[in-house]
Amino acid sequence: MENMEKASSDNVKVTLLMVTYNQEDYIEEAISAVLCQDYPSVEVIISDDCSTDGTYLRAKSMVEAYQGPFEITLRCNDKNLGLIEHVNVAMRLGSGELVVLAAGDDISFSSRVSRLVEAYLANDRPMLLCSKAKTIDQNGNVLGGEAPDVEIQSVPSVEKALFSTSIYLGASGAWSRELISTFGSINYRGTYEDLVMGFRAALCRSAVYVDEALLYYRVNVGISSQASMLNGADKIAQRIARLEFERDTFSQRRDDLRKHRDRVGFGVAKLIAKIEKRCARLNVRVNFYRKPGLLVLDFFRRPMALVSGVSAEWKFLRAIKLEGL
């Protein structure tokens, strides 16, 4: 209670940002949890990406019926923007010093915001905070485990974060307004916001991990649990999607590293060369499927990347063909 009173007296205004899309089965429970936060200085923003189901209407009904202390803004995009463009729009909303993220299918504990604010103040206002989460299934049953291991349990080195694909659990995250204003929008649509913001915070050596579960994190929802049933064509499509995701993730990190190279100092040139090599190879592998005509240019611009990239994809296609025999 003493810590809670101290956090309140510091009067850190929090924007609790919920980003939603086609989550009608879970949205009411998610919003209820957001509106039960025990931290007083919160503005709630619910931003829907033009859902095609009843997500927005259910959210609207709950907001209209709400009579509690929090200021709530509900908005909906005129058209579906996709995750990254939606995040770019949403993270500029609100006026809180700290932006706590919430998904439309997860359930925040009532103390989540207050605990994040305590950690924020106790650690000299870091740019990013994250925590553990307890896992639940699509029906809300607690699975008994915690969310997957992540890199930020202490701030990772820039090099480790640069090539990581699991820096922190995005559903548990909170960003300072400083992190958002320092780096700005995410420019590559095929990545995920946690992989970008996690690297940006590591680049600034300004991230804190709260070693306790602060939310229920829903797993095994969507197509991931169906991977074993994919046919050859579906596996190829999944492969292309994965390559595009990696290309966009590492391209964004490359751009951020180039722009903010002064934050690294000695050794930054070597890191830039490493990430450029990774991006070149991924561009070749994506071009192999999407724009094979560009492989001729790749031969002259990046011959080593061409050889290794094309070889990897021929090997993958050969394995798919053998599975079908």
C-alpha atoms as a PDB file:
ATOM      1  CA  MET A   1       0.000   0.000   0.000  1.00  0.00           C
ATOM      2  CA  GLU A   2       2.895   2.346   0.810  1.00  0.00           C
ATOM      3  CA  ASN A   3       4.350   1.788  -2.677  1.00  0.00           C
ATOM      4  CA  MET A   4       0.953   2.358  -4.251  1.00  0.00           C
ATOM      5  CA  GLU A   5       0.548   5.681  -2.417  1.00  0.00           C
ATOM      6  CA  LYS A   6       4.011   6.752  -3.553  1.00  0.00           C
ATOM      7  CA  ALA A   7       3.221   5.891  -7.172  1.00  0.00           C
ATOM      8  CA  SER A   8      -0.026   7.848  -6.951  1.00  0.00           C
ATOM      9  CA  SER A   9       1.702  10.868  -5.427  1.00  0.00           C
ATOM     10  CA  ASP A  10       4.148  10.951  -8.332  1.00  0.00           C
ATOM     11  CA  ASN A  11       1.075  11.231 -10.553  1.00  0.00           C
ATOM     12  CA  VAL A  12       2.365   9.339 -13.567  1.00  0.00           C
ATOM     13  CA  LYS A  13      -0.455   9.519 -16.051  1.00  0.00           C
ATOM     14  CA  VAL A  14      -0.964   6.237 -17.867  1.00  0.00           C
ATOM     15  CA  THR A  15      -2.536   5.609 -21.252  1.00  0.00           C
ATOM     16  CA  LEU A  16      -3.937   2.093 -21.238  1.00  0.00           C
ATOM     17  CA  LEU A  17      -4.113   1.260 -24.930  1.00  0.00           C
ATOM     18  CA  MET A  18      -6.161  -1.717 -26.088  1.00  0.00           C
ATOM     19  CA  VAL A  19      -5.746  -2.680 -29.753  1.00  0.00           C
ATOM     20  CA  THR A  20      -8.459  -4.979 -31.059  1.00  0.00           C
ATOM     21  CA  TYR A  21      -9.411  -6.890 -34.191  1.00  0.00           C
ATOM     22  CA  ASN A  22     -11.987  -9.695 -34.566  1.00  0.00           C
ATOM     23  CA  GLN A  23     -11.977 -10.721 -30.901  1.00  0.00           C
ATOM     24  CA  GLU A  24     -15.700 -10.697 -30.141  1.00  0.00           C
ATOM     25  CA  ASP A  25     -15.511 -13.853 -28.011  1.00  0.00           C
ATOM     26  CA  TYR A  26     -12.997 -12.282 -25.636  1.00  0.00           C
ATOM     27  CA  ILE A  27     -13.394  -8.495 -25.836  1.00  0.00           C
ATOM     28  CA  GLU A  28     -15.881  -8.061 -22.991  1.00  0.00           C
ATOM     29  CA  GLU A  29     -13.702  -9.881 -20.467  1.00  0.00           C
ATOM     30  CA  ALA A  30     -10.635  -7.994 -21.691  1.00  0.00           C
ATOM     31  CA  ILE A  31     -12.335  -4.597 -21.321  1.00  0.00           C
ATOM     32  CA  SER A  32     -13.770  -5.499 -17.913  1.00  0.00           C
ATOM     33  CA  ALA A  33     -10.247  -6.242 -16.687  1.00  0.00           C
ATOM     34  CA  VAL A  34      -8.959  -2.929 -18.031  1.00  0.00           C
ATOM     35  CA  LEU A  35     -11.731  -1.004 -16.283  1.00  0.00           C
ATOM     36  CA  CYS A  36     -10.952  -2.702 -12.945  1.00  0.00           C
ATOM     37  CA  GLN A  37      -7.414  -1.345 -12.631  1.00  0.00           C
ATOM     38  CA  ASP A  38      -6.554  -0.122  -9.142  1.00  0.00           C
ATOM     39  CA  TYR A  39      -4.294   2.695 -10.364  1.00  0.00           C
ATOM     40  CA  PRO A  40      -6.228   5.979 -10.444  1.00  0.00           C
ATOM     41  CA  SER A  41      -4.551   8.117 -13.123  1.00  0.00           C
ATOM     42  CA  VAL A  42      -5.507   6.178 -16.248  1.00  0.00           C
ATOM     43  CA  GLU A  43      -6.970   7.136 -19.594  1.00  0.00           C
ATOM     44  CA  VAL A  44      -8.306   4.139 -21.524  1.00  0.00           C
ATOM     45  CA  ILE A  45      -8.166   4.076 -25.321  1.00  0.00           C
ATOM     46  CA  ILE A  46      -9.755   1.181 -27.199  1.00  0.00           C
ATOM     47  CA  SER A  47      -8.802   1.183 -30.866  1.00  0.00           C
ATOM     48  CA  ASP A  48     -10.408  -1.304 -33.251  1.00  0.00           C
ATOM     49  CA  ASP A  49      -8.980  -2.112 -36.679  1.00  0.00           C
ATOM     50  CA  CYS A  50     -12.320  -2.263 -38.512  1.00  0.00           C
ATOM     51  CA  SER A  51     -13.319  -5.686 -37.190  1.00  0.00           C
ATOM     52  CA  THR A  52     -15.605  -7.780 -39.377  1.00  0.00           C
ATOM     53  CA  ASP A  53     -17.288  -9.449 -36.410  1.00  0.00           C
ATOM     54  CA  GLY A  54     -19.039  -7.986 -33.349  1.00  0.00           C
ATOM     55  CA  THR A  55     -15.913  -6.785 -31.536  1.00  0.00           C
ATOM     56  CA  TYR A  56     -16.526  -3.068 -31.966  1.00  0.00           C
ATOM     57  CA  LEU A  57     -20.241  -3.234 -31.159  1.00  0.00           C
ATOM     58  CA  ARG A  58     -19.615  -5.181 -27.966  1.00  0.00           C
ATOM     59  CA  ALA A  59     -16.916  -2.721 -26.950  1.00  0.00           C
ATOM     60  CA  LYS A  60     -19.248   0.195 -27.727  1.00  0.00           C
ATOM     61  CA  SER A  61     -21.973  -1.280 -25.541  1.00  0.00           C
ATOM     62  CA  MET A  62     -19.571  -1.662 -22.613  1.00  0.00           C
ATOM     63  CA  VAL A  63     -18.159   1.850 -22.966  1.00  0.00           C
ATOM     64  CA  GLU A  64     -21.633   3.393 -23.111  1.00  0.00           C
ATOM     65  CA  ALA A  65     -22.680   1.532 -19.951  1.00  0.00           C
ATOM     66  CA  TYR A  66     -19.506   2.398 -18.008  1.00  0.00           C
ATOM     67  CA  GLN A  67     -19.959   4.780 -15.075  1.00  0.00           C
ATOM     68  CA  GLY A  68     -16.562   4.493 -13.410  1.00  0.00           C
ATOM     69  CA  PRO A  69     -13.750   7.013 -12.891  1.00  0.00           C
ATOM     70  CA  PHE A  70     -11.660   6.443 -16.000  1.00  0.00           C
ATOM     71  CA  GLU A  71     -11.770   8.566 -19.126  1.00  0.00           C
ATOM     72  CA  ILE A  72     -12.478   6.207 -22.049  1.00  0.00           C
ATOM     73  CA  THR A  73     -12.054   6.782 -25.774  1.00  0.00           C
ATOM     74  CA  LEU A  74     -13.374   4.212 -28.230  1.00  0.00           C
ATOM     75  CA  ARG A  75     -12.428   4.514 -31.880  1.00  0.00           C
ATOM     76  CA  CYS A  76     -12.534   2.395 -35.027  1.00  0.00           C
ATOM     77  CA  ASN A  77     -10.461   2.692 -38.200  1.00  0.00           C
ATOM     78  CA  ASP A  78     -12.443   3.446 -41.360  1.00  0.00           C
ATOM     79  CA  LYS A  79     -10.734   0.502 -43.032  1.00  0.00           C
ATOM     80  CA  ASN A  80      -8.545  -2.356 -41.891  1.00  0.00           C
ATOM     81  CA  LEU A  81      -4.966  -1.110 -41.637  1.00  0.00           C
ATOM     82  CA  GLY A  82      -3.213  -4.279 -40.498  1.00  0.00           C
ATOM     83  CA  LEU A  83      -1.360  -4.635 -37.233  1.00  0.00           C
ATOM     84  CA  ILE A  84       1.621  -2.339 -37.739  1.00  0.00           C
ATOM     85  CA  GLU A  85      -0.223   0.555 -39.349  1.00  0.00           C
ATOM     86  CA  HIS A  86      -2.865   0.269 -36.629  1.00  0.00           C
ATOM     87  CA  VAL A  87      -0.176   0.375 -33.933  1.00  0.00           C
ATOM     88  CA  ASN A  88       1.412   3.396 -35.629  1.00  0.00           C
ATOM     89  CA  VAL A  89      -1.893   5.242 -35.428  1.00  0.00           C
ATOM     90  CA  ALA A  90      -2.821   4.066 -31.933  1.00  0.00           C
ATOM     91  CA  MET A  91       0.479   4.762 -30.191  1.00  0.00           C
ATOM     92  CA  ARG A  92       0.194   8.451 -31.075  1.00  0.00           C
ATOM     93  CA  LEU A  93      -3.120   8.675 -29.224  1.00  0.00           C
ATOM     94  CA  GLY A  94      -3.507   9.759 -25.628  1.00  0.00           C
ATOM     95  CA  SER A  95      -1.361  11.868 -23.339  1.00  0.00           C
ATOM     96  CA  GLY A  96      -0.019   9.432 -20.766  1.00  0.00           C
ATOM     97  CA  GLU A  97       3.666   9.435 -19.892  1.00  0.00           C
ATOM     98  CA  LEU A  98       3.519   5.642 -19.850  1.00  0.00           C
ATOM     99  CA  VAL A  99       1.585   3.622 -22.448  1.00  0.00           C
ATOM    100  CA  VAL A 100       0.459   0.207 -21.187  1.00  0.00           C
ATOM    101  CA  LEU A 101      -0.539  -2.182 -23.980  1.00  0.00           C
ATOM    102  CA  ALA A 102      -3.490  -4.561 -23.741  1.00  0.00           C
ATOM    103  CA  ALA A 103      -4.746  -7.057 -26.312  1.00  0.00           C
ATOM    104  CA  GLY A 104      -8.427  -7.680 -26.946  1.00  0.00           C
ATOM    105  CA  ASP A 105      -8.148 -11.344 -25.990  1.00  0.00           C
ATOM    106  CA  ASP A 106      -5.981 -11.119 -22.845  1.00  0.00           C
ATOM    107  CA  ILE A 107      -6.975 -10.334 -19.254  1.00  0.00           C
ATOM    108  CA  SER A 108      -4.973  -7.837 -17.199  1.00  0.00           C
ATOM    109  CA  PHE A 109      -4.766  -8.335 -13.455  1.00  0.00           C
ATOM    110  CA  SER A 110      -6.309  -5.436 -11.512  1.00  0.00           C
ATOM    111  CA  SER A 111      -2.875  -4.468 -10.151  1.00  0.00           C
ATOM    112  CA  ARG A 112      -1.117  -4.576 -13.510  1.00  0.00           C
ATOM    113  CA  VAL A 113      -0.890  -0.838 -14.139  1.00  0.00           C
ATOM    114  CA  SER A 114       0.017   0.014 -10.538  1.00  0.00           C
ATOM    115  CA  ARG A 115       2.820  -2.572 -10.488  1.00  0.00           C
ATOM    116  CA  LEU A 116       4.203  -1.291 -13.795  1.00  0.00           C
ATOM    117  CA  VAL A 117       4.135   2.282 -12.505  1.00  0.00           C
ATOM    118  CA  GLU A 118       5.961   1.213  -9.334  1.00  0.00           C
ATOM    119  CA  ALA A 119       8.661  -0.441 -11.434  1.00  0.00           C
ATOM    120  CA  TYR A 120       8.781   2.580 -13.750  1.00  0.00           C
ATOM    121  CA  LEU A 121       9.449   4.962 -10.863  1.00  0.00           C
ATOM    122  CA  ALA A 122      11.813   2.631  -9.033  1.00  0.00           C
ATOM    123  CA  ASN A 123      14.014   2.234 -12.138  1.00  0.00           C
ATOM    124  CA  ASP A 124      14.376   5.855 -13.237  1.00  0.00           C
ATOM    125  CA  ARG A 125      11.593   5.791 -15.816  1.00  0.00           C
ATOM    126  CA  PRO A 126      12.834   3.197 -18.353  1.00  0.00           C
ATOM    127  CA  MET A 127      11.629   3.308 -21.934  1.00  0.00           C
ATOM    128  CA  LEU A 128      10.120  -0.187 -21.812  1.00  0.00           C
ATOM    129  CA  LEU A 129       8.717  -2.473 -19.140  1.00  0.00           C
ATOM    130  CA  CYS A 130       7.481  -6.034 -19.479  1.00  0.00           C
ATOM    131  CA  SER A 131       6.433  -8.864 -17.195  1.00  0.00           C
ATOM    132  CA  LYS A 132       5.515 -12.502 -16.918  1.00  0.00           C
ATOM    133  CA  ALA A 133       2.014 -13.723 -17.790  1.00  0.00           C
ATOM    134  CA  LYS A 134      -0.017 -16.760 -16.842  1.00  0.00           C
ATOM    135  CA  THR A 135      -1.237 -18.715 -19.853  1.00  0.00           C
ATOM    136  CA  ILE A 136      -4.895 -19.526 -20.533  1.00  0.00           C
ATOM    137  CA  ASP A 137      -6.576 -21.392 -23.375  1.00  0.00           C
ATOM    138  CA  GLN A 138      -9.337 -20.164 -25.688  1.00  0.00           C
ATOM    139  CA  ASN A 139     -11.951 -21.000 -23.051  1.00  0.00           C
ATOM    140  CA  GLY A 140     -10.175 -19.096 -20.295  1.00  0.00           C
ATOM    141  CA  ASN A 141      -8.857 -22.168 -18.490  1.00  0.00           C
ATOM    142  CA  VAL A 142      -5.562 -21.539 -16.710  1.00  0.00           C
ATOM    143  CA  LEU A 143      -2.953 -23.849 -18.211  1.00  0.00           C
ATOM    144  CA  GLY A 144      -0.644 -23.807 -15.228  1.00  0.00           C
ATOM    145  CA  GLY A 145       2.364 -22.388 -17.048  1.00  0.00           C
ATOM    146  CA  GLU A 146       3.780 -18.977 -17.763  1.00  0.00           C
ATOM    147  CA  ALA A 147       4.379 -17.205 -21.036  1.00  0.00           C
ATOM    148  CA  PRO A 148       7.419 -18.300 -23.121  1.00  0.00           C
ATOM    149  CA  ASP A 149      10.939 -17.360 -22.066  1.00  0.00           C
ATOM    150  CA  VAL A 150      12.071 -13.957 -23.271  1.00  0.00           C
ATOM    151  CA  GLU A 151      15.385 -12.165 -23.548  1.00  0.00           C
ATOM    152  CA  ILE A 152      14.594  -9.143 -21.385  1.00  0.00           C
ATOM    153  CA  GLN A 153      15.025 -10.459 -17.875  1.00  0.00           C
ATOM    154  CA  SER A 154      17.969  -8.133 -17.776  1.00  0.00           C
ATOM    155  CA  VAL A 155      18.651  -5.670 -20.569  1.00  0.00           C
ATOM    156  CA  PRO A 156      20.237  -7.688 -23.424  1.00  0.00           C
ATOM    157  CA  SER A 157      23.247  -6.472 -25.326  1.00  0.00           C
ATOM    158  CA  VAL A 158      22.506  -4.620 -28.528  1.00  0.00           C
ATOM    159  CA  GLU A 159      23.986  -7.475 -30.579  1.00  0.00           C
ATOM    160  CA  LYS A 160      21.889 -10.105 -28.801  1.00  0.00           C
ATOM    161  CA  ALA A 161      18.713  -8.060 -29.241  1.00  0.00           C
ATOM    162  CA  LEU A 162      19.595  -7.275 -32.854  1.00  0.00           C
ATOM    163  CA  PHE A 163      19.184 -10.906 -33.936  1.00  0.00           C
ATOM    164  CA  SER A 164      16.625 -12.098 -31.376  1.00  0.00           C
ATOM    165  CA  THR A 165      13.105 -13.127 -32.372  1.00  0.00           C
ATOM    166  CA  SER A 166      11.722 -13.162 -28.809  1.00  0.00           C
ATOM    167  CA  ILE A 167      12.907 -10.071 -26.960  1.00  0.00           C
ATOM    168  CA  TYR A 168       9.870  -9.701 -24.691  1.00  0.00           C
ATOM    169  CA  LEU A 169       6.246 -10.799 -24.473  1.00  0.00           C
ATOM    170  CA  GLY A 170       4.414  -8.071 -26.377  1.00  0.00           C
ATOM    171  CA  ALA A 171       1.139  -8.588 -24.513  1.00  0.00           C
ATOM    172  CA  SER A 172       2.883  -7.688 -21.241  1.00  0.00           C
ATOM    173  CA  GLY A 173       4.556  -4.519 -22.459  1.00  0.00           C
ATOM    174  CA  ALA A 174       4.488  -0.850 -21.566  1.00  0.00           C
ATOM    175  CA  TRP A 175       6.282   1.916 -23.461  1.00  0.00           C
ATOM    176  CA  SER A 176       7.322   5.335 -22.268  1.00  0.00           C
ATOM    177  CA  ARG A 177       6.222   8.253 -24.376  1.00  0.00           C
ATOM    178  CA  GLU A 178       9.942   8.988 -24.770  1.00  0.00           C
ATOM    179  CA  LEU A 179      10.490   5.658 -26.562  1.00  0.00           C
ATOM    180  CA  ILE A 180       7.677   6.469 -28.997  1.00  0.00           C
ATOM    181  CA  SER A 181       8.852  10.027 -29.701  1.00  0.00           C
ATOM    182  CA  THR A 182      12.539   9.101 -30.009  1.00  0.00           C
ATOM    183  CA  PHE A 183      12.055   6.492 -32.733  1.00  0.00           C
ATOM    184  CA  GLY A 184       8.680   7.302 -34.285  1.00  0.00           C
ATOM    185  CA  SER A 185       6.638   5.013 -36.474  1.00  0.00           C
ATOM    186  CA  ILE A 186       7.429   1.457 -37.539  1.00  0.00           C
ATOM    187  CA  ASN A 187       8.112   1.460 -41.273  1.00  0.00           C
ATOM    188  CA  TYR A 188       7.850  -2.230 -42.195  1.00  0.00           C
ATOM    189  CA  ARG A 189       4.405  -3.813 -42.174  1.00  0.00           C
ATOM    190  CA  GLY A 190       5.450  -7.446 -41.905  1.00  0.00           C
ATOM    191  CA  THR A 191       7.006  -7.319 -38.439  1.00  0.00           C
ATOM    192  CA  TYR A 192       5.533  -7.228 -34.920  1.00  0.00           C
ATOM    193  CA  GLU A 193       5.603  -4.202 -32.660  1.00  0.00           C
ATOM    194  CA  ASP A 194       7.224  -5.979 -29.698  1.00  0.00           C
ATOM    195  CA  LEU A 195      10.198  -7.074 -31.817  1.00  0.00           C
ATOM    196  CA  VAL A 196      10.753  -3.490 -32.934  1.00  0.00           C
ATOM    197  CA  MET A 197      10.130  -1.692 -29.637  1.00  0.00           C
ATOM    198  CA  GLY A 198      12.098  -4.299 -27.697  1.00  0.00           C
ATOM    199  CA  PHE A 199      15.143  -3.727 -29.876  1.00  0.00           C
ATOM    200  CA  ARG A 200      14.740   0.034 -29.649  1.00  0.00           C
ATOM    201  CA  ALA A 201      14.683  -0.124 -25.849  1.00  0.00           C
ATOM    202  CA  ALA A 202      17.738  -2.419 -25.851  1.00  0.00           C
ATOM    203  CA  LEU A 203      19.496   0.005 -28.174  1.00  0.00           C
ATOM    204  CA  CYS A 204      18.921   2.685 -25.537  1.00  0.00           C
ATOM    205  CA  ARG A 205      19.765   0.236 -22.706  1.00  0.00           C
ATOM    206  CA  SER A 206      16.493   1.195 -21.087  1.00  0.00           C
ATOM    207  CA  ALA A 207      14.252  -1.799 -20.356  1.00  0.00           C
ATOM    208  CA  VAL A 208      13.022  -3.375 -17.123  1.00  0.00           C
ATOM    209  CA  TYR A 209      11.580  -6.835 -16.575  1.00  0.00           C
ATOM    210  CA  VAL A 210       9.022  -7.232 -13.765  1.00  0.00           C
ATOM    211  CA  ASP A 211       9.462 -10.751 -12.441  1.00  0.00           C
ATOM    212  CA  GLU A 212       5.824 -11.537 -11.732  1.00  0.00           C
ATOM    213  CA  ALA A 213       2.735 -12.383 -13.769  1.00  0.00           C
ATOM    214  CA  LEU A 214       0.531  -9.342 -14.360  1.00  0.00           C
ATOM    215  CA  LEU A 215      -1.967 -10.745 -16.844  1.00  0.00           C
ATOM    216  CA  TYR A 216      -3.539 -13.842 -18.334  1.00  0.00           C
ATOM    217  CA  TYR A 217      -2.137 -14.438 -21.819  1.00  0.00           C
ATOM    218  CA  ARG A 218      -4.304 -16.435 -24.212  1.00  0.00           C
ATOM    219  CA  VAL A 219      -2.497 -19.089 -26.269  1.00  0.00           C
ATOM    220  CA  ASN A 220      -3.426 -21.608 -28.968  1.00  0.00           C
ATOM    221  CA  VAL A 221      -5.889 -19.225 -30.579  1.00  0.00           C
ATOM    222  CA  GLY A 222      -5.767 -19.024 -34.403  1.00  0.00           C
ATOM    223  CA  ILE A 223      -3.992 -21.100 -37.034  1.00  0.00           C
ATOM    224  CA  SER A 224      -0.772 -21.861 -35.154  1.00  0.00           C
ATOM    225  CA  SER A 225      -2.239 -25.024 -33.634  1.00  0.00           C
ATOM    226  CA  GLN A 226      -3.119 -26.328 -37.114  1.00  0.00           C
ATOM    227  CA  ALA A 227       0.422 -26.297 -38.580  1.00  0.00           C
ATOM    228  CA  SER A 228       0.752 -30.086 -38.631  1.00  0.00           C
ATOM    229  CA  MET A 229      -2.226 -30.348 -41.017  1.00  0.00           C
ATOM    230  CA  LEU A 230      -0.817 -28.047 -43.709  1.00  0.00           C
ATOM    231  CA  ASN A 231      -0.331 -29.385 -47.233  1.00  0.00           C
ATOM    232  CA  GLY A 232       2.647 -28.569 -49.434  1.00  0.00           C
ATOM    233  CA  ALA A 233       1.198 -25.366 -50.896  1.00  0.00           C
ATOM    234  CA  ASP A 234       0.230 -24.128 -47.435  1.00  0.00           C
ATOM    235  CA  LYS A 235       3.716 -24.870 -46.115  1.00  0.00           C
ATOM    236  CA  ILE A 236       5.236 -22.850 -48.937  1.00  0.00           C
ATOM    237  CA  ALA A 237       2.874 -19.948 -48.194  1.00  0.00           C
ATOM    238  CA  GLN A 238       3.799 -20.201 -44.520  1.00  0.00           C
ATOM    239  CA  ARG A 239       7.482 -20.227 -45.469  1.00  0.00           C
ATOM    240  CA  ILE A 240       7.110 -17.063 -47.541  1.00  0.00           C
ATOM    241  CA  ALA A 241       5.225 -15.328 -44.724  1.00  0.00           C
ATOM    242  CA  ARG A 242       7.998 -16.261 -42.286  1.00  0.00           C
ATOM    243  CA  LEU A 243      10.714 -14.956 -44.617  1.00  0.00           C
ATOM    244  CA  GLU A 244       8.851 -11.683 -45.153  1.00  0.00           C
ATOM    245  CA  PHE A 245       8.395 -11.338 -41.401  1.00  0.00           C
ATOM    246  CA  GLU A 246      12.124 -11.830 -40.785  1.00  0.00           C
ATOM    247  CA  ARG A 247      13.058  -9.500 -43.653  1.00  0.00           C
ATOM    248  CA  ASP A 248      10.862  -6.691 -42.306  1.00  0.00           C
ATOM    249  CA  THR A 249      11.913  -7.232 -38.685  1.00  0.00           C
ATOM    250  CA  PHE A 250      15.625  -7.112 -39.418  1.00  0.00           C
ATOM    251  CA  SER A 251      15.239  -4.304 -41.962  1.00  0.00           C
ATOM    252  CA  GLN A 252      13.552  -2.129 -39.336  1.00  0.00           C
ATOM    253  CA  ARG A 253      16.292  -2.914 -36.832  1.00  0.00           C
ATOM    254  CA  ARG A 254      18.961  -2.145 -39.443  1.00  0.00           C
ATOM    255  CA  ASP A 255      17.377   1.251 -40.094  1.00  0.00           C
ATOM    256  CA  ASP A 256      17.057   2.029 -36.376  1.00  0.00           C
ATOM    257  CA  LEU A 257      20.675   1.004 -35.776  1.00  0.00           C
ATOM    258  CA  ARG A 258      21.918   3.177 -38.619  1.00  0.00           C
ATOM    259  CA  LYS A 259      19.921   6.196 -37.454  1.00  0.00           C
ATOM    260  CA  HIS A 260      20.879   5.840 -33.788  1.00  0.00           C
ATOM    261  CA  ARG A 261      24.383   4.422 -34.200  1.00  0.00           C
ATOM    262  CA  ASP A 262      25.756   6.963 -31.722  1.00  0.00           C
ATOM    263  CA  ARG A 263      23.990   5.060 -28.927  1.00  0.00           C
ATOM    264  CA  VAL A 264      26.242   2.051 -29.545  1.00  0.00           C
ATOM    265  CA  GLY A 265      29.627   3.626 -30.107  1.00  0.00           C
ATOM    266  CA  PHE A 266      32.585   1.294 -30.633  1.00  0.00           C
ATOM    267  CA  GLY A 267      31.729  -1.770 -32.703  1.00  0.00           C
ATOM    268  CA  VAL A 268      28.619  -0.336 -34.346  1.00  0.00           C
ATOM    269  CA  ALA A 269      30.086  -0.602 -37.867  1.00  0.00           C
ATOM    270  CA  LYS A 270      30.569  -4.356 -37.409  1.00  0.00           C
ATOM    271  CA  LEU A 271      26.974  -4.747 -36.165  1.00  0.00           C
ATOM    272  CA  ILE A 272      25.630  -2.788 -39.132  1.00  0.00           C
ATOM    273  CA  ALA A 273      27.614  -5.002 -41.512  1.00  0.00           C
ATOM    274  CA  LYS A 274      26.189  -8.140 -39.852  1.00  0.00           C
ATOM    275  CA  ILE A 275      22.581  -6.991 -40.039  1.00  0.00           C
ATOM    276  CA  GLU A 276      23.003  -5.793 -43.633  1.00  0.00           C
ATOM    277  CA  LYS A 277      24.282  -9.256 -44.560  1.00  0.00           C
ATOM    278  CA  ARG A 278      21.264 -10.868 -42.892  1.00  0.00           C
ATOM    279  CA  CYS A 279      18.867  -8.485 -44.685  1.00  0.00           C
ATOM    280  CA  ALA A 280      20.534  -9.120 -48.066  1.00  0.00           C
ATOM    281  CA  ARG A 281      20.113 -12.873 -47.732  1.00  0.00           C
ATOM    282  CA  LEU A 282      16.479 -12.513 -46.667  1.00  0.00           C
ATOM    283  CA  ASN A 283      15.766 -10.202 -49.607  1.00  0.00           C
ATOM    284  CA  VAL A 284      17.138 -12.839 -51.970  1.00  0.00           C
ATOM    285  CA  ARG A 285      15.023 -15.577 -50.387  1.00  0.00           C
ATOM    286  CA  VAL A 286      11.844 -13.475 -50.611  1.00  0.00           C
ATOM    287  CA  ASN A 287      12.644 -12.531 -54.225  1.00  0.00           C
ATOM    288  CA  PHE A 288      13.052 -16.232 -55.027  1.00  0.00           C
ATOM    289  CA  TYR A 289       9.281 -16.608 -54.486  1.00  0.00           C
ATOM    290  CA  ARG A 290       7.854 -13.145 -55.020  1.00  0.00           C
ATOM    291  CA  LYS A 291      10.035 -11.491 -57.654  1.00  0.00           C
ATOM    292  CA  PRO A 292      12.338 -14.064 -59.274  1.00  0.00           C
ATOM    293  CA  GLY A 293      13.253 -11.602 -62.008  1.00  0.00           C
ATOM    294  CA  LEU A 294      15.142  -9.553 -59.415  1.00  0.00           C
ATOM    295  CA  LEU A 295      17.496 -12.450 -58.762  1.00  0.00           C
ATOM    296  CA  VAL A 296      19.504 -11.300 -61.789  1.00  0.00           C
ATOM    297  CA  LEU A 297      20.155  -7.996 -60.037  1.00  0.00           C
ATOM    298  CA  ASP A 298      20.896  -9.851 -56.822  1.00  0.00           C
ATOM    299  CA  PHE A 299      23.581 -11.799 -58.685  1.00  0.00           C
ATOM    300  CA  PHE A 300      25.473  -8.571 -59.367  1.00  0.00           C
ATOM    301  CA  ARG A 301      24.697  -6.771 -56.098  1.00  0.00           C
ATOM    302  CA  ARG A 302      25.033  -9.594 -53.584  1.00  0.00           C
ATOM    303  CA  PRO A 303      26.352 -12.801 -55.205  1.00  0.00           C
ATOM    304  CA  MET A 304      27.183 -14.592 -51.941  1.00  0.00           C
ATOM    305  CA  ALA A 305      23.721 -13.836 -50.546  1.00  0.00           C
ATOM    306  CA  LEU A 306      22.223 -15.099 -53.805  1.00  0.00           C
ATOM    307  CA  VAL A 307      24.027 -18.432 -53.631  1.00  0.00           C
ATOM    308  CA  SER A 308      23.232 -19.122 -49.982  1.00  0.00           C
ATOM    309  CA  GLY A 309      19.649 -17.850 -50.203  1.00  0.00           C
ATOM    310  CA  VAL A 310      18.660 -19.736 -53.339  1.00  0.00           C
ATOM    311  CA  SER A 311      20.346 -22.902 -52.066  1.00  0.00           C
ATOM    312  CA  ALA A 312      18.339 -22.756 -48.838  1.00  0.00           C
ATOM    313  CA  GLU A 313      15.031 -22.389 -50.666  1.00  0.00           C
ATOM    314  CA  TRP A 314      15.770 -25.159 -53.201  1.00  0.00           C
ATOM    315  CA  LYS A 315      16.559 -27.418 -50.274  1.00  0.00           C
ATOM    316  CA  PHE A 316      13.258 -26.509 -48.622  1.00  0.00           C
ATOM    317  CA  LEU A 317      11.254 -27.135 -51.810  1.00  0.00           C
ATOM    318  CA  ARG A 318      13.001 -30.459 -52.347  1.00  0.00           C
ATOM    319  CA  ALA A 319      12.006 -31.531 -48.834  1.00  0.00           C
ATOM    320  CA  ILE A 320       8.368 -30.516 -49.487  1.00  0.00           C
ATOM    321  CA  LYS A 321       8.369 -32.533 -52.698  1.00  0.00           C
ATOM    322  CA  LEU A 322       9.740 -35.622 -50.922  1.00  0.00           C
ATOM    323  CA  GLU A 323       7.040 -35.328 -48.234  1.00  0.00           C
ATOM    324  CA  GLY A 324       4.425 -35.517 -50.966  1.00  0.00           C
ATOM    325  CA  LEU A 325       5.738 -38.733 -52.485  1.00  0.00           C
END
